[in-house]
C-alpha atoms as a PDB file:
ATOM      1  CA  MET A   1     -28.653 -81.800  81.798  1.00  0.00           C
ATOM      2  CA  PRO A   2     -30.496 -78.791  80.425  1.00  0.00           C
ATOM      3  CA  LYS A   3     -29.781 -77.987  76.837  1.00  0.00           C
ATOM      4  CA  ALA A   4     -28.020 -74.761  76.089  1.00  0.00           C
ATOM      5  CA  GLY A   5     -30.891 -73.730  73.929  1.00  0.00           C
ATOM      6  CA  SER A   6     -33.340 -74.100  76.826  1.00  0.00           C
ATOM      7  CA  PHE A   7     -31.848 -70.955  78.378  1.00  0.00           C
ATOM      8  CA  SER A   8     -32.194 -68.830  75.200  1.00  0.00           C
ATOM      9  CA  ILE A   9     -35.688 -67.701  76.120  1.00  0.00           C
ATOM     10  CA  LYS A  10     -34.425 -66.129  79.359  1.00  0.00           C
ATOM     11  CA  TYR A  11     -30.901 -64.986  78.706  1.00  0.00           C
ATOM     12  CA  ILE A  12     -28.402 -63.468  76.292  1.00  0.00           C
ATOM     13  CA  VAL A  13     -24.924 -64.848  76.642  1.00  0.00           C
ATOM     14  CA  LYS A  14     -21.649 -63.117  75.710  1.00  0.00           C
ATOM     15  CA  PRO A  15     -18.452 -65.164  76.178  1.00  0.00           C
ATOM     16  CA  ILE A  16     -15.307 -63.086  76.171  1.00  0.00           C
ATOM     17  CA  GLU A  17     -11.968 -64.423  74.889  1.00  0.00           C
ATOM     18  CA  THR A  18      -8.994 -63.164  76.887  1.00  0.00           C
ATOM     19  CA  GLY A  19      -6.232 -65.761  76.252  1.00  0.00           C
ATOM     20  CA  TYR A  20      -4.824 -68.213  78.775  1.00  0.00           C
ATOM     21  CA  TRP A  21      -3.992 -66.784  82.208  1.00  0.00           C
ATOM     22  CA  ARG A  22      -0.626 -68.005  83.470  1.00  0.00           C
ATOM     23  CA  PRO A  23       0.242 -67.839  87.175  1.00  0.00           C
ATOM     24  CA  GLY A  24       0.847 -64.227  88.118  1.00  0.00           C
ATOM     25  CA  ALA A  25      -1.565 -62.820  85.558  1.00  0.00           C
ATOM     26  CA  ASP A  26      -3.420 -59.701  86.658  1.00  0.00           C
ATOM     27  CA  TYR A  27      -6.797 -61.406  86.324  1.00  0.00           C
ATOM     28  CA  VAL A  28      -8.688 -58.627  88.135  1.00  0.00           C
ATOM     29  CA  GLY A  29      -7.402 -56.060  85.786  1.00  0.00           C
ATOM     30  CA  ILE A  30      -7.994 -58.240  82.758  1.00  0.00           C
ATOM     31  CA  ILE A  31     -11.603 -58.926  83.772  1.00  0.00           C
ATOM     32  CA  ALA A  32     -12.372 -55.253  84.476  1.00  0.00           C
ATOM     33  CA  SER A  33     -10.842 -54.195  81.125  1.00  0.00           C
ATOM     34  CA  ALA A  34     -12.662 -56.922  79.238  1.00  0.00           C
ATOM     35  CA  VAL A  35     -16.114 -56.079  80.446  1.00  0.00           C
ATOM     36  CA  LYS A  36     -16.095 -52.295  80.840  1.00  0.00           C
ATOM     37  CA  HIS A  37     -17.406 -51.531  77.319  1.00  0.00           C
ATOM     38  CA  ARG A  38     -19.813 -54.564  77.318  1.00  0.00           C
ATOM     39  CA  LEU A  39     -21.523 -54.291  80.621  1.00  0.00           C
ATOM     40  CA  GLU A  40     -25.174 -53.193  80.907  1.00  0.00           C
ATOM     41  CA  ASP A  41     -27.456 -52.775  83.962  1.00  0.00           C
ATOM     42  CA  GLY A  42     -28.460 -56.148  85.356  1.00  0.00           C
ATOM     43  CA  ASP A  43     -25.696 -58.180  83.804  1.00  0.00           C
ATOM     44  CA  ILE A  44     -24.007 -61.081  85.620  1.00  0.00           C
ATOM     45  CA  VAL A  45     -20.262 -61.442  85.007  1.00  0.00           C
ATOM     46  CA  VAL A  46     -19.427 -65.138  85.417  1.00  0.00           C
ATOM     47  CA  ILE A  47     -15.750 -66.197  85.780  1.00  0.00           C
ATOM     48  CA  SER A  48     -14.205 -69.637  85.698  1.00  0.00           C
ATOM     49  CA  GLU A  49     -12.793 -70.796  89.062  1.00  0.00           C
ATOM     50  CA  LYS A  50     -10.108 -72.750  87.149  1.00  0.00           C
ATOM     51  CA  ALA A  51      -8.790 -69.671  85.336  1.00  0.00           C
ATOM     52  CA  ILE A  52      -8.657 -67.673  88.590  1.00  0.00           C
ATOM     53  CA  SER A  53      -6.972 -70.526  90.462  1.00  0.00           C
ATOM     54  CA  VAL A  54      -4.252 -70.874  87.815  1.00  0.00           C
ATOM     55  CA  ALA A  55      -3.666 -67.093  87.743  1.00  0.00           C
ATOM     56  CA  ARG A  56      -3.305 -67.016  91.437  1.00  0.00           C
ATOM     57  CA  GLY A  57      -0.758 -69.837  91.291  1.00  0.00           C
ATOM     58  CA  ASN A  58      -3.059 -72.208  93.254  1.00  0.00           C
ATOM     59  CA  LEU A  59      -1.410 -75.138  91.755  1.00  0.00           C
ATOM     60  CA  ILE A  60       0.404 -78.238  93.027  1.00  0.00           C
ATOM     61  CA  ASP A  61       3.166 -80.085  91.141  1.00  0.00           C
ATOM     62  CA  GLU A  62       2.158 -83.762  91.455  1.00  0.00           C
ATOM     63  CA  SER A  63       5.559 -84.989  90.365  1.00  0.00           C
ATOM     64  CA  LYS A  64       6.834 -83.793  93.819  1.00  0.00           C
ATOM     65  CA  VAL A  65       4.116 -85.712  95.750  1.00  0.00           C
ATOM     66  CA  LYS A  66       4.978 -89.023  97.400  1.00  0.00           C
ATOM     67  CA  PRO A  67       1.933 -91.328  97.174  1.00  0.00           C
ATOM     68  CA  GLY A  68       0.980 -93.673 100.068  1.00  0.00           C
ATOM     69  CA  ILE A  69      -0.594 -97.125 100.068  1.00  0.00           C
ATOM     70  CA  LEU A  70      -4.209 -95.752 100.059  1.00  0.00           C
ATOM     71  CA  ALA A  71      -3.468 -93.563  96.986  1.00  0.00           C
ATOM     72  CA  ARG A  72      -1.958 -96.559  95.222  1.00  0.00           C
ATOM     73  CA  PHE A  73      -5.076 -98.627  95.905  1.00  0.00           C
ATOM     74  CA  LEU A  74      -7.424 -95.912  94.633  1.00  0.00           C
ATOM     75  CA  ALA A  75      -5.472 -95.452  91.375  1.00  0.00           C
ATOM     76  CA  CYS A  76      -4.530 -98.986  90.636  1.00  0.00           C
ATOM     77  CA  TYR A  77      -7.726-100.810  91.744  1.00  0.00           C
ATOM     78  CA  TRP A  78     -10.562 -98.541  92.842  1.00  0.00           C
ATOM     79  CA  VAL A  79     -10.780 -96.407  89.681  1.00  0.00           C
ATOM     80  CA  ARG A  80      -9.739 -99.155  87.282  1.00  0.00           C
ATOM     81  CA  TYR A  81     -12.077-101.872  88.516  1.00  0.00           C
ATOM     82  CA  CYS A  82     -14.827-100.399  90.641  1.00  0.00           C
ATOM     83  CA  TRP A  83     -15.362 -97.346  88.402  1.00  0.00           C
ATOM     84  CA  GLY A  84     -14.318 -99.068  85.273  1.00  0.00           C
ATOM     85  CA  TYR A  85     -16.609-102.114  85.493  1.00  0.00           C
ATOM     86  CA  PHE A  86     -19.314-101.307  88.043  1.00  0.00           C
ATOM     87  CA  LEU A  87     -19.903 -97.740  89.087  1.00  0.00           C
ATOM     88  CA  GLY A  88     -19.025 -96.150  85.737  1.00  0.00           C
ATOM     89  CA  PRO A  89     -21.694 -98.077  83.833  1.00  0.00           C
ATOM     90  CA  ILE A  90     -24.426 -97.769  86.413  1.00  0.00           C
ATOM     91  CA  CYS A  91     -23.681 -94.046  86.777  1.00  0.00           C
ATOM     92  CA  HIS A  92     -24.274 -93.614  83.005  1.00  0.00           C
ATOM     93  CA  PHE A  93     -20.804 -92.344  82.102  1.00  0.00           C
ATOM     94  CA  LYS A  94     -19.960 -92.415  78.462  1.00  0.00           C
ATOM     95  CA  PRO A  95     -18.156 -95.504  77.082  1.00  0.00           C
ATOM     96  CA  GLU A  96     -15.055 -93.490  76.219  1.00  0.00           C
ATOM     97  CA  LEU A  97     -14.750 -92.283  79.824  1.00  0.00           C
ATOM     98  CA  ILE A  98     -15.398 -95.763  81.224  1.00  0.00           C
ATOM     99  CA  HIS A  99     -12.518 -97.022  78.966  1.00  0.00           C
ATOM    100  CA  ARG A 100     -10.302 -94.383  80.490  1.00  0.00           C
ATOM    101  CA  PHE A 101     -11.241 -95.541  83.987  1.00  0.00           C
ATOM    102  CA  ARG A 102     -10.313 -99.098  83.055  1.00  0.00           C
ATOM    103  CA  THR A 103      -6.888 -97.961  81.743  1.00  0.00           C
ATOM    104  CA  TYR A 104      -6.359 -95.355  84.544  1.00  0.00           C
ATOM    105  CA  PRO A 105      -2.581 -94.623  84.507  1.00  0.00           C
ATOM    106  CA  LYS A 106      -0.498 -95.890  87.437  1.00  0.00           C
ATOM    107  CA  ALA A 107       1.294 -92.648  87.467  1.00  0.00           C
ATOM    108  CA  ALA A 108      -2.025 -91.100  88.691  1.00  0.00           C
ATOM    109  CA  VAL A 109      -1.280 -92.393  92.204  1.00  0.00           C
ATOM    110  CA  ALA A 110       0.237 -88.983  92.996  1.00  0.00           C
ATOM    111  CA  HIS A 111      -3.003 -87.335  91.938  1.00  0.00           C
ATOM    112  CA  LYS A 112      -4.954 -89.446  94.337  1.00  0.00           C
ATOM    113  CA  GLN A 113      -2.493 -88.545  97.112  1.00  0.00           C
ATOM    114  CA  VAL A 114      -3.107 -84.882  96.261  1.00  0.00           C
ATOM    115  CA  ALA A 115      -6.840 -85.458  96.679  1.00  0.00           C
ATOM    116  CA  LEU A 116      -6.383 -87.270  99.969  1.00  0.00           C
ATOM    117  CA  GLU A 117      -4.253 -84.414 101.335  1.00  0.00           C
ATOM    118  CA  ASN A 118      -6.161 -81.440 100.031  1.00  0.00           C
ATOM    119  CA  VAL A 119      -9.802 -82.423 100.085  1.00  0.00           C
ATOM    120  CA  SER A 120     -10.978 -85.659 101.782  1.00  0.00           C
ATOM    121  CA  PHE A 121     -11.228 -89.426 101.485  1.00  0.00           C
ATOM    122  CA  LEU A 122     -14.801 -89.238 100.147  1.00  0.00           C
ATOM    123  CA  GLN A 123     -13.677 -86.781  97.438  1.00  0.00           C
ATOM    124  CA  ALA A 124     -10.648 -88.904  96.581  1.00  0.00           C
ATOM    125  CA  LEU A 125     -13.090 -91.849  95.828  1.00  0.00           C
ATOM    126  CA  LYS A 126     -14.418 -89.873  92.836  1.00  0.00           C
ATOM    127  CA  PRO A 127     -12.838 -90.940  89.542  1.00  0.00           C
ATOM    128  CA  THR A 128     -12.257 -87.349  88.336  1.00  0.00           C
ATOM    129  CA  SER A 129     -12.418 -83.765  89.623  1.00  0.00           C
ATOM    130  CA  GLU A 130     -11.966 -84.735  93.189  1.00  0.00           C
ATOM    131  CA  GLY A 131     -13.294 -81.875  95.378  1.00  0.00           C
ATOM    132  CA  GLY A 132     -12.677 -79.399  92.588  1.00  0.00           C
ATOM    133  CA  ILE A 133      -9.127 -80.431  91.900  1.00  0.00           C
ATOM    134  CA  ASP A 134      -8.613 -80.350  88.154  1.00  0.00           C
ATOM    135  CA  LEU A 135      -5.960 -81.536  85.720  1.00  0.00           C
ATOM    136  CA  SER A 136      -7.521 -80.283  82.470  1.00  0.00           C
ATOM    137  CA  ASN A 137      -6.129 -77.101  80.884  1.00  0.00           C
ATOM    138  CA  VAL A 138      -3.022 -77.071  83.060  1.00  0.00           C
ATOM    139  CA  PRO A 139       0.457 -78.118  81.843  1.00  0.00           C
ATOM    140  CA  PHE A 140       2.913 -80.834  82.746  1.00  0.00           C
ATOM    141  CA  THR A 141       2.242 -82.509  86.141  1.00  0.00           C
ATOM    142  CA  TYR A 142       0.377 -79.557  87.662  1.00  0.00           C
ATOM    143  CA  ALA A 143      -3.053 -79.821  89.262  1.00  0.00           C
ATOM    144  CA  SER A 144      -5.394 -76.832  89.824  1.00  0.00           C
ATOM    145  CA  LEU A 145      -6.673 -76.702  93.374  1.00  0.00           C
ATOM    146  CA  PRO A 146     -10.167 -75.282  94.344  1.00  0.00           C
ATOM    147  CA  LEU A 147     -10.444 -71.724  95.691  1.00  0.00           C
ATOM    148  CA  ASN A 148     -10.944 -71.430  99.495  1.00  0.00           C
ATOM    149  CA  ASP A 149     -11.756 -67.784  99.379  1.00  0.00           C
ATOM    150  CA  ALA A 150     -14.044 -67.431  96.300  1.00  0.00           C
ATOM    151  CA  GLN A 151     -16.394 -64.922  97.951  1.00  0.00           C
ATOM    152  CA  GLN A 152     -13.519 -62.547  98.763  1.00  0.00           C
ATOM    153  CA  ILE A 153     -12.184 -62.859  95.302  1.00  0.00           C
ATOM    154  CA  ALA A 154     -15.558 -62.201  93.747  1.00  0.00           C
ATOM    155  CA  LEU A 155     -15.876 -59.039  95.897  1.00  0.00           C
ATOM    156  CA  GLU A 156     -12.387 -57.856  94.764  1.00  0.00           C
ATOM    157  CA  ILE A 157     -13.381 -58.342  91.108  1.00  0.00           C
ATOM    158  CA  PHE A 158     -16.777 -56.608  91.695  1.00  0.00           C
ATOM    159  CA  ASN A 159     -15.030 -53.574  93.317  1.00  0.00           C
ATOM    160  CA  ALA A 160     -12.495 -53.307  90.431  1.00  0.00           C
ATOM    161  CA  ILE A 161     -15.243 -53.251  87.834  1.00  0.00           C
ATOM    162  CA  ARG A 162     -17.369 -50.894  89.842  1.00  0.00           C
ATOM    163  CA  ARG A 163     -14.529 -48.277  89.999  1.00  0.00           C
ATOM    164  CA  ILE A 164     -14.540 -48.019  86.203  1.00  0.00           C
ATOM    165  CA  LYS A 165     -18.190 -48.808  85.367  1.00  0.00           C
ATOM    166  CA  ARG A 166     -21.067 -47.428  87.335  1.00  0.00           C
ATOM    167  CA  LYS A 167     -23.678 -50.045  86.480  1.00  0.00           C
ATOM    168  CA  ARG A 168     -25.863 -52.449  88.437  1.00  0.00           C
ATOM    169  CA  PHE A 169     -24.350 -55.856  87.894  1.00  0.00           C
ATOM    170  CA  GLY A 170     -23.211 -58.973  89.638  1.00  0.00           C
ATOM    171  CA  VAL A 171     -20.065 -61.098  89.703  1.00  0.00           C
ATOM    172  CA  MET A 172     -20.214 -64.883  89.978  1.00  0.00           C
ATOM    173  CA  ILE A 173     -17.375 -67.394  90.226  1.00  0.00           C
ATOM    174  CA  ALA A 174     -18.478 -70.862  89.036  1.00  0.00           C
ATOM    175  CA  ASP A 175     -17.025 -74.292  88.562  1.00  0.00           C
ATOM    176  CA  THR A 176     -17.981 -77.009  86.041  1.00  0.00           C
ATOM    177  CA  ASP A 177     -18.432 -79.535  88.810  1.00  0.00           C
ATOM    178  CA  ASP A 178     -22.058 -80.753  88.921  1.00  0.00           C
ATOM    179  CA  THR A 179     -24.732 -79.751  91.338  1.00  0.00           C
ATOM    180  CA  TYR A 180     -27.642 -82.245  91.331  1.00  0.00           C
ATOM    181  CA  SER A 181     -31.172 -81.012  91.884  1.00  0.00           C
ATOM    182  CA  LEU A 182     -34.345 -82.787  92.974  1.00  0.00           C
ATOM    183  CA  CYS A 183     -37.509 -81.014  94.087  1.00  0.00           C
ATOM    184  CA  GLY A 184     -35.753 -77.871  95.289  1.00  0.00           C
ATOM    185  CA  LEU A 185     -32.968 -79.811  96.987  1.00  0.00           C
ATOM    186  CA  HIS A 186     -29.550 -78.965  95.526  1.00  0.00           C
ATOM    187  CA  LEU A 187     -26.490 -81.201  96.318  1.00  0.00           C
ATOM    188  CA  THR A 188     -22.885 -81.006  95.069  1.00  0.00           C
ATOM    189  CA  ALA A 189     -20.007 -83.274  95.615  1.00  0.00           C
ATOM    190  CA  ARG A 190     -17.442 -80.463  95.961  1.00  0.00           C
ATOM    191  CA  PRO A 191     -17.039 -77.987  98.803  1.00  0.00           C
ATOM    192  CA  THR A 192     -19.050 -74.803  98.474  1.00  0.00           C
ATOM    193  CA  GLN A 193     -20.378 -72.123 100.748  1.00  0.00           C
ATOM    194  CA  MET A 194     -23.231 -71.075  98.452  1.00  0.00           C
ATOM    195  CA  LYS A 195     -26.527 -70.608 100.302  1.00  0.00           C
ATOM    196  CA  GLY A 196     -29.065 -73.183  99.112  1.00  0.00           C
ATOM    197  CA  ILE A 197     -26.485 -75.608  97.763  1.00  0.00           C
ATOM    198  CA  HIS A 198     -25.406 -78.360 100.105  1.00  0.00           C
ATOM    199  CA  SER A 199     -21.975 -79.981  99.880  1.00  0.00           C
ATOM    200  CA  PHE A 200     -22.611 -83.549 100.921  1.00  0.00           C
ATOM    201  CA  GLY A 201     -20.885 -86.906 100.775  1.00  0.00           C
ATOM    202  CA  GLY A 202     -18.293 -86.380  98.059  1.00  0.00           C
ATOM    203  CA  VAL A 203     -18.511 -89.513  95.932  1.00  0.00           C
ATOM    204  CA  ILE A 204     -21.881 -90.457  97.409  1.00  0.00           C
ATOM    205  CA  THR A 205     -23.506 -87.387  95.848  1.00  0.00           C
ATOM    206  CA  THR A 206     -21.926 -88.148  92.489  1.00  0.00           C
ATOM    207  CA  ILE A 207     -23.106 -91.773  92.545  1.00  0.00           C
ATOM    208  CA  LEU A 208     -26.657 -90.932  93.611  1.00  0.00           C
ATOM    209  CA  GLY A 209     -26.948 -88.014  91.305  1.00  0.00           C
ATOM    210  CA  ARG A 210     -25.861 -89.814  88.232  1.00  0.00           C
ATOM    211  CA  LEU A 211     -27.511 -93.149  89.141  1.00  0.00           C
ATOM    212  CA  PHE A 212     -30.951 -91.596  89.329  1.00  0.00           C
ATOM    213  CA  LYS A 213     -30.263 -89.083  86.497  1.00  0.00           C
ATOM    214  CA  LEU A 214     -30.982 -86.052  88.603  1.00  0.00           C
ATOM    215  CA  LYS A 215     -30.955 -82.591  86.997  1.00  0.00           C
ATOM    216  CA  LEU A 216     -27.315 -81.517  86.880  1.00  0.00           C
ATOM    217  CA  ARG A 217     -25.822 -78.023  86.390  1.00  0.00           C
ATOM    218  CA  ALA A 218     -22.579 -76.336  86.935  1.00  0.00           C
ATOM    219  CA  THR A 219     -21.880 -75.073  90.473  1.00  0.00           C
ATOM    220  CA  PRO A 220     -21.833 -71.354  91.480  1.00  0.00           C
ATOM    221  CA  LEU A 221     -19.289 -70.769  94.219  1.00  0.00           C
ATOM    222  CA  ALA A 222     -19.648 -67.091  95.057  1.00  0.00           C
ATOM    223  CA  ILE A 223     -22.001 -64.248  94.096  1.00  0.00           C
ATOM    224  CA  VAL A 224     -21.430 -60.543  94.741  1.00  0.00           C
ATOM    225  CA  GLY A 225     -23.509 -57.523  93.789  1.00  0.00           C
ATOM    226  CA  CYS A 226     -26.933 -59.044  93.074  1.00  0.00           C
ATOM    227  CA  GLU A 227     -29.586 -61.172  94.619  1.00  0.00           C
ATOM    228  CA  LEU A 228     -30.328 -64.502  92.863  1.00  0.00           C
ATOM    229  CA  THR A 229     -32.401 -67.458  93.802  1.00  0.00           C
ATOM    230  CA  THR A 230     -30.597 -70.739  93.955  1.00  0.00           C
ATOM    231  CA  GLU A 231     -32.302 -71.874  90.763  1.00  0.00           C
ATOM    232  CA  GLU A 232     -31.358 -68.678  89.007  1.00  0.00           C
ATOM    233  CA  ALA A 233     -27.692 -69.025  90.174  1.00  0.00           C
ATOM    234  CA  LEU A 234     -27.496 -72.634  88.924  1.00  0.00           C
ATOM    235  CA  ASP A 235     -29.030 -71.685  85.555  1.00  0.00           C
ATOM    236  CA  ILE A 236     -26.637 -68.921  85.035  1.00  0.00           C
ATOM    237  CA  ALA A 237     -23.599 -71.012  86.077  1.00  0.00           C
ATOM    238  CA  GLU A 238     -24.752 -73.692  83.580  1.00  0.00           C
ATOM    239  CA  ILE A 239     -25.333 -71.447  80.644  1.00  0.00           C
ATOM    240  CA  ALA A 240     -21.911 -69.760  81.252  1.00  0.00           C
ATOM    241  CA  HIS A 241     -20.374 -73.237  81.306  1.00  0.00           C
ATOM    242  CA  HIS A 242     -21.937 -74.074  77.907  1.00  0.00           C
ATOM    243  CA  ALA A 243     -20.849 -70.646  76.453  1.00  0.00           C
ATOM    244  CA  ARG A 244     -17.287 -70.966  77.771  1.00  0.00           C
ATOM    245  CA  GLN A 245     -16.780 -74.402  76.263  1.00  0.00           C
ATOM    246  CA  HIS A 246     -13.699 -76.381  77.378  1.00  0.00           C
ATOM    247  CA  GLY A 247     -10.616 -74.626  76.265  1.00  0.00           C
ATOM    248  CA  ALA A 248      -8.096 -77.212  75.334  1.00  0.00           C
ATOM    249  CA  GLY A 249     -10.267 -80.091  76.550  1.00  0.00           C
ATOM    250  CA  ARG A 250     -12.966 -81.225  78.920  1.00  0.00           C
ATOM    251  CA  THR A 251     -10.534 -83.615  80.713  1.00  0.00           C
ATOM    252  CA  ALA A 252      -6.782 -84.049  80.996  1.00  0.00           C
ATOM    253  CA  TRP A 253      -7.082 -86.918  78.500  1.00  0.00           C
ATOM    254  CA  ASP A 254      -8.844 -84.668  76.008  1.00  0.00           C
ATOM    255  CA  THR A 255      -6.201 -81.972  76.459  1.00  0.00           C
ATOM    256  CA  ALA A 256      -3.334 -84.379  75.770  1.00  0.00           C
ATOM    257  CA  GLU A 257      -5.050 -85.933  72.830  1.00  0.00           C
ATOM    258  CA  ARG A 258      -5.743 -82.547  71.282  1.00  0.00           C
ATOM    259  CA  PHE A 259      -2.022 -81.883  71.131  1.00  0.00           C
ATOM    260  CA  GLY A 260      -0.969 -85.453  70.499  1.00  0.00           C
ATOM    261  CA  VAL A 261       1.199 -85.698  73.540  1.00  0.00           C
ATOM    262  CA  GLY A 262       1.292 -87.705  76.744  1.00  0.00           C
ATOM    263  CA  LEU A 263      -0.774 -86.694  79.815  1.00  0.00           C
ATOM    264  CA  THR A 264       2.165 -84.878  81.425  1.00  0.00           C
ATOM    265  CA  GLU A 265       3.664 -83.407  78.228  1.00  0.00           C
ATOM    266  CA  VAL A 266       1.261 -80.430  77.740  1.00  0.00           C
ATOM    267  CA  THR A 267       3.070 -77.155  77.856  1.00  0.00           C
ATOM    268  CA  TRP A 268       2.110 -73.592  78.655  1.00  0.00           C
ATOM    269  CA  GLU A 269       2.719 -72.595  75.073  1.00  0.00           C
ATOM    270  CA  MET A 270       0.334 -75.313  73.825  1.00  0.00           C
ATOM    271  CA  LEU A 271      -2.393 -74.038  76.120  1.00  0.00           C
ATOM    272  CA  GLU A 272      -1.810 -70.473  74.995  1.00  0.00           C
ATOM    273  CA  SER A 273      -2.340 -71.484  71.388  1.00  0.00           C
ATOM    274  CA  ILE A 274      -6.025 -72.360  72.148  1.00  0.00           C
ATOM    275  CA  GLU A 275      -8.894 -69.853  72.439  1.00  0.00           C
ATOM    276  CA  HIS A 276      -9.863 -69.492  76.099  1.00  0.00           C
ATOM    277  CA  LYS A 277     -13.022 -67.695  77.328  1.00  0.00           C
ATOM    278  CA  PRO A 278     -12.840 -67.458  81.067  1.00  0.00           C
ATOM    279  CA  ILE A 279     -15.378 -64.639  81.252  1.00  0.00           C
ATOM    280  CA  VAL A 280     -19.076 -64.843  80.294  1.00  0.00           C
ATOM    281  CA  ILE A 281     -21.522 -61.973  80.577  1.00  0.00           C
ATOM    282  CA  VAL A 282     -25.056 -63.370  81.116  1.00  0.00           C
ATOM    283  CA  ARG A 283     -27.922 -60.877  80.532  1.00  0.00           C
ATOM    284  CA  ARG A 284     -31.619 -61.422  81.175  1.00  0.00           C
ATOM    285  CA  LYS A 285     -33.784 -60.720  78.172  1.00  0.00           C
END
């Protein structure tokens, strides 16, 4: 993974703290207001997919999901034993995360059922972030689902900013899920319609990318208002990811540990007590 400092030669980065966006938040208005006095010609406004997804109410309550036999197998055996003792180590996951795979909670069978129903079997075979489904920085038993219309949402945000700020700029929606790069070939495990980035194989991409230690960066999902090469888009998504940090935690485990509660006991109020930076302005030097 590129170091954050490796981008400092090319870019100036300005993360913007706006607070946590609950479902129903006017995220378009919040973004436009937050950047209108900061935007300069040539800037790229990068927004977290997760924050938009939560604000749009693109959530599913996993406590209401009835898991099937396959979901039970994935949670109770596949993640615990295959990822915990074989795939996790050879894919160079950190020991802490491998331990979490080995102690994967049986209650997570509902999460695997959500992955099977909303993305695909190959995505559900991943140990975390299946197809862009995310449990971190969301409360209780909710899961954040990936956006299906990221390009249209990016255009809506771009038009809202353009109405109040007549500058040349771009808008990008990005996700922290990894894109792996090798000799100009860019592969991601999650669905994306970005030109130049190929969504391939779900878990297969994750295994190959991590096994061979391919260059990995955050994944741009939509770009409006500017022309970027695939390399530029990946670099900008990655630097925004570093600048944004992880809110209440990188994973659902981290979020729960931060507040000293169980995995399903994180509340909206707990999340609102943490600094959140869903918007990052990236500026070429």
